Amino acid sequence: MLNTESINDLVTSNTPSPVKSPCFGRVPPVYSLQRSGQYCVSWGEDSSWVIQTCRDAYKEKMKELSLLSLICSCFHTQPHPNTIYQYGDMEVKQLDKRASGQSFEVILKSPSDLSPESPVLSSPPKKKDLSLEELQKRLEAAEERRKTQEAQVLKQLAEKREHEREVLHKALEENNNFSRLAEEKLNYKMELSKEIREAHLAALRERLREKELHAAEVRRNKEQREEISG
């Protein structure tokens, strides 16, 4: 298969002098591009010699390309066909390589392999049969727990009632103290007003008595003067 560069090399290096044709004289080479992307060379009427020359040049070119391919293979080693590559949770295995392409086998790990440290899920343990004695012990333990819970509930209720009783007693005591203080204050005011009233009445009596004494003395002095004058 000849590409553009190969045609150019063949034309520049292996092109003979133009062939003389009895009809056309010196016939130049004609290049035409086929549908497959290859160049076709036409040398006029004497085409057999031209085709043989192209074959020889093409063989020489293939030898050069084979030698170049061998040198490149020395520098770039190909991986072993059974090489396995690791990519996270995938394994890629290289299969046979052909000219048309290369095939790979992709192996995905199972979810259990992704976390090897995770515990293995085991089946739940089977319940063993309990004897009558064990059942009786469990019933007694449950009854004991029930009694303990009831005792705790009753204790909490008793403490709550005791607290309510203390609060009520304190409120009553404060009310009684307030009533007693108010009564004492009222009694003090009443006694004070009584003492003031009694003192005022005593002062009025004293003044009346003094007036009566003064009036009696005036009458007595008047009688004495009348007796002296009479």
Protein backbone atom coordinates (compact mmCIF):
# COMPACT_ATOMS: atom_id res chain seq x y z
CA MET A 1 0.00 0.00 0.00
CA LEU A 2 1.48 3.32 -1.06
CA ASN A 3 0.75 6.58 0.65
CA THR A 4 1.66 10.11 -0.42
CA GLU A 5 5.15 10.11 1.13
CA SER A 6 5.99 6.70 -0.37
CA ILE A 7 4.92 7.91 -3.81
CA ASN A 8 7.04 11.02 -3.45
CA ASP A 9 10.07 8.95 -2.38
CA LEU A 10 9.55 6.55 -5.24
CA VAL A 11 9.21 9.35 -7.74
CA THR A 12 12.29 11.25 -6.52
CA SER A 13 14.64 8.26 -5.99
CA ASN A 14 13.57 5.56 -8.46
CA THR A 15 12.12 7.49 -11.40
CA PRO A 16 13.92 6.63 -14.67
CA SER A 17 14.23 8.90 -17.62
CA PRO A 18 11.01 9.39 -19.53
CA VAL A 19 10.24 6.67 -22.05
CA LYS A 20 10.05 7.58 -25.71
CA SER A 21 6.82 6.56 -27.29
CA PRO A 22 6.55 6.11 -31.03
CA CYS A 23 3.28 7.93 -30.97
CA PHE A 24 3.67 10.54 -28.26
CA GLY A 25 7.45 10.86 -27.80
CA ARG A 26 8.52 11.61 -24.18
CA VAL A 27 5.54 10.67 -22.01
CA PRO A 28 5.64 12.10 -18.47
CA PRO A 29 4.31 10.05 -15.51
CA VAL A 30 0.67 10.58 -14.61
CA TYR A 31 -0.54 10.41 -10.96
CA SER A 32 -4.16 9.74 -10.09
CA LEU A 33 -5.79 9.41 -6.64
CA GLN A 34 -8.08 6.40 -6.29
CA ARG A 35 -11.09 6.18 -3.93
CA SER A 36 -9.15 4.11 -1.43
CA GLY A 37 -6.70 6.94 -0.79
CA GLN A 38 -3.84 5.32 -2.81
CA TYR A 39 -1.90 6.83 -5.67
CA CYS A 40 -1.76 5.05 -9.02
CA VAL A 41 1.16 5.80 -11.31
CA SER A 42 0.76 5.54 -15.07
CA TRP A 43 3.77 5.69 -17.44
CA GLY A 44 2.07 5.71 -20.73
CA GLU A 45 2.34 2.76 -23.08
CA ASP A 46 5.45 1.05 -21.52
CA SER A 47 3.72 0.30 -18.19
CA SER A 48 5.18 -3.19 -17.50
CA TRP A 49 8.67 -1.85 -16.87
CA VAL A 50 7.27 0.93 -14.69
CA ILE A 51 5.23 -1.51 -12.62
CA GLN A 52 8.26 -3.76 -12.07
CA THR A 53 10.32 -0.75 -10.97
CA CYS A 54 7.58 0.30 -8.52
CA ARG A 55 7.47 -3.21 -7.07
CA ASP A 56 11.21 -3.28 -6.49
CA ALA A 57 11.15 0.15 -4.87
CA TYR A 58 8.18 -0.86 -2.72
CA LYS A 59 10.03 -3.98 -1.50
CA GLU A 60 13.08 -1.92 -0.59
CA LYS A 61 10.89 0.52 1.28
CA MET A 62 9.20 -2.33 3.20
CA LYS A 63 12.60 -3.70 4.19
CA GLU A 64 13.56 -0.30 5.55
CA LEU A 65 10.27 -0.05 7.44
CA SER A 66 10.73 -3.58 8.88
CA LEU A 67 14.23 -2.67 10.08
CA LEU A 68 12.91 0.56 11.62
CA SER A 69 10.12 -1.38 13.32
CA LEU A 70 12.64 -3.84 14.78
CA ILE A 71 14.77 -1.00 16.17
CA CYS A 72 11.71 0.66 17.74
CA SER A 73 10.65 -2.62 19.33
CA CYS A 74 14.02 -2.81 21.09
CA PHE A 75 13.40 0.53 22.77
CA HIS A 76 9.68 0.03 23.49
CA THR A 77 9.04 -3.39 24.91
CA GLN A 78 5.48 -4.64 24.68
CA PRO A 79 3.78 -5.93 27.83
CA HIS A 80 3.22 -9.59 28.39
CA PRO A 81 -0.12 -10.73 26.98
CA ASN A 82 -1.20 -12.02 30.40
CA THR A 83 -0.27 -8.84 32.29
CA ILE A 84 -2.92 -7.76 34.84
CA TYR A 85 -3.32 -4.09 35.73
CA GLN A 86 -4.99 -2.91 38.93
CA TYR A 87 -7.26 0.18 38.74
CA GLY A 88 -8.99 0.62 42.09
CA ASP A 89 -11.76 -1.97 42.23
CA MET A 90 -11.07 -3.21 38.67
CA GLU A 91 -8.58 -5.65 37.17
CA VAL A 92 -7.70 -5.25 33.49
CA LYS A 93 -6.16 -8.31 31.81
CA GLN A 94 -4.56 -7.92 28.39
CA LEU A 95 -5.56 -10.58 25.86
CA ASP A 96 -4.30 -11.28 22.34
CA LYS A 97 -3.17 -8.34 20.24
CA ARG A 98 -3.86 -8.26 16.53
CA ALA A 99 -3.37 -5.87 13.67
CA SER A 100 -7.05 -4.94 13.81
CA GLY A 101 -6.90 -4.05 17.50
CA GLN A 102 -6.37 -5.40 20.99
CA SER A 103 -8.80 -7.02 23.42
CA PHE A 104 -8.90 -6.68 27.20
CA GLU A 105 -10.75 -8.48 29.96
CA VAL A 106 -12.14 -6.24 32.72
CA ILE A 107 -12.80 -7.97 36.06
CA LEU A 108 -14.84 -6.10 38.69
CA LYS A 109 -14.28 -6.97 42.34
CA SER A 110 -17.23 -8.05 44.45
CA PRO A 111 -18.46 -5.64 47.18
CA SER A 112 -17.13 -7.96 49.88
CA ASP A 113 -13.60 -7.73 48.43
CA LEU A 114 -13.60 -3.91 48.55
CA SER A 115 -13.46 -3.84 52.36
CA PRO A 116 -11.45 -6.82 53.54
CA GLU A 117 -11.41 -5.55 57.12
CA SER A 118 -15.20 -5.47 57.37
CA PRO A 119 -16.63 -8.26 59.52
CA VAL A 120 -18.21 -11.17 57.76
CA LEU A 121 -21.98 -11.24 58.18
CA SER A 122 -22.85 -14.44 59.92
CA SER A 123 -26.23 -16.00 60.43
CA PRO A 124 -27.97 -15.06 63.72
CA PRO A 125 -27.34 -17.51 66.53
CA LYS A 126 -30.05 -19.99 67.15
CA LYS A 127 -32.05 -19.65 70.34
CA LYS A 128 -31.46 -22.55 72.61
CA ASP A 129 -34.36 -24.11 74.44
CA LEU A 130 -34.81 -22.92 78.01
CA SER A 131 -35.55 -25.26 80.84
CA LEU A 132 -38.41 -24.80 83.30
CA GLU A 133 -36.02 -23.68 86.03
CA GLU A 134 -34.47 -21.03 83.81
CA LEU A 135 -37.92 -19.80 82.80
CA GLN A 136 -38.90 -19.60 86.46
CA LYS A 137 -35.75 -17.63 87.23
CA ARG A 138 -36.47 -15.22 84.41
CA LEU A 139 -40.03 -14.75 85.62
CA GLU A 140 -38.80 -14.09 89.15
CA ALA A 141 -36.23 -11.60 87.87
CA ALA A 142 -38.92 -9.84 85.82
CA GLU A 143 -41.22 -9.73 88.85
CA GLU A 144 -38.40 -8.33 90.96
CA ARG A 145 -37.72 -5.65 88.37
CA ARG A 146 -41.43 -4.80 88.27
CA LYS A 147 -41.56 -4.48 92.06
CA THR A 148 -38.44 -2.35 92.04
CA GLN A 149 -39.93 -0.05 89.42
CA GLU A 150 -43.19 0.20 91.37
CA ALA A 151 -41.26 1.01 94.54
CA GLN A 152 -39.34 3.71 92.74
CA VAL A 153 -42.56 5.18 91.33
CA LEU A 154 -44.21 5.13 94.76
CA LYS A 155 -41.15 6.70 96.31
CA GLN A 156 -41.19 9.47 93.74
CA LEU A 157 -44.90 10.06 94.37
CA ALA A 158 -44.33 10.16 98.14
CA GLU A 159 -41.49 12.63 97.73
CA LYS A 160 -43.66 14.76 95.47
CA ARG A 161 -46.52 14.76 97.98
CA GLU A 162 -44.14 15.54 100.82
CA HIS A 163 -42.80 18.46 98.85
CA GLU A 164 -46.33 19.70 98.16
CA ARG A 165 -47.16 19.33 101.85
CA GLU A 166 -44.09 21.31 102.83
CA VAL A 167 -44.94 24.04 100.34
CA LEU A 168 -48.53 24.22 101.65
CA HIS A 169 -47.36 24.27 105.27
CA LYS A 170 -44.92 27.04 104.50
CA ALA A 171 -47.63 29.05 102.75
CA LEU A 172 -50.00 28.59 105.71
CA GLU A 173 -47.28 29.55 108.14
CA GLU A 174 -46.51 32.69 106.20
CA ASN A 175 -50.21 33.53 106.08
CA ASN A 176 -50.55 32.99 109.82
CA ASN A 177 -47.52 35.13 110.50
CA PHE A 178 -48.94 37.89 108.34
CA SER A 179 -52.30 37.68 110.11
CA ARG A 180 -50.66 37.69 113.53
CA LEU A 181 -48.50 40.69 112.67
CA ALA A 182 -51.52 42.55 111.28
CA GLU A 183 -53.53 41.75 114.40
CA GLU A 184 -50.74 42.85 116.69
CA LYS A 185 -50.38 46.08 114.77
CA LEU A 186 -54.12 46.70 114.93
CA ASN A 187 -54.22 45.98 118.69
CA TYR A 188 -51.33 48.34 119.24
CA LYS A 189 -53.13 51.11 117.37
CA MET A 190 -56.34 50.44 119.32
CA GLU A 191 -54.55 50.51 122.66
CA LEU A 192 -52.74 53.67 121.71
CA SER A 193 -55.95 55.39 120.69
CA LYS A 194 -57.61 54.18 123.91
CA GLU A 195 -54.82 55.58 126.03
CA ILE A 196 -55.01 58.89 124.20
CA ARG A 197 -58.80 59.03 124.67
CA GLU A 198 -58.53 58.20 128.37
CA ALA A 199 -55.84 60.83 128.85
CA HIS A 200 -58.03 63.38 127.09
CA LEU A 201 -61.00 62.47 129.29
CA ALA A 202 -58.87 62.70 132.41
CA ALA A 203 -57.71 66.13 131.38
CA LEU A 204 -61.34 67.23 130.84
CA ARG A 205 -62.35 65.90 134.29
CA GLU A 206 -59.47 67.71 135.89
CA ARG A 207 -60.47 70.95 134.25
CA LEU A 208 -64.12 70.50 135.35
CA ARG A 209 -63.05 69.77 138.89
CA GLU A 210 -60.83 72.84 138.95
CA LYS A 211 -63.76 74.92 137.66
CA GLU A 212 -66.04 73.54 140.34
CA LEU A 213 -63.48 74.27 143.04
CA HIS A 214 -63.03 77.79 141.72
CA ALA A 215 -66.81 78.34 141.65
CA ALA A 216 -67.19 77.01 145.19
CA GLU A 217 -64.43 79.30 146.46
CA VAL A 218 -66.04 82.25 144.72
CA ARG A 219 -69.37 81.47 146.37
CA ARG A 220 -67.76 81.10 149.75
CA ASN A 221 -65.93 84.39 149.45
CA LYS A 222 -69.13 86.05 148.40
CA GLU A 223 -70.99 84.69 151.42
CA GLN A 224 -68.24 85.87 153.74
CA ARG A 225 -68.36 89.38 152.34
CA GLU A 226 -72.10 89.43 152.74
CA GLU A 227 -71.82 88.36 156.33
CA ILE A 228 -69.23 91.02 157.08
CA SER A 229 -71.22 93.74 155.42
CA GLY A 230 -74.53 92.65 156.97
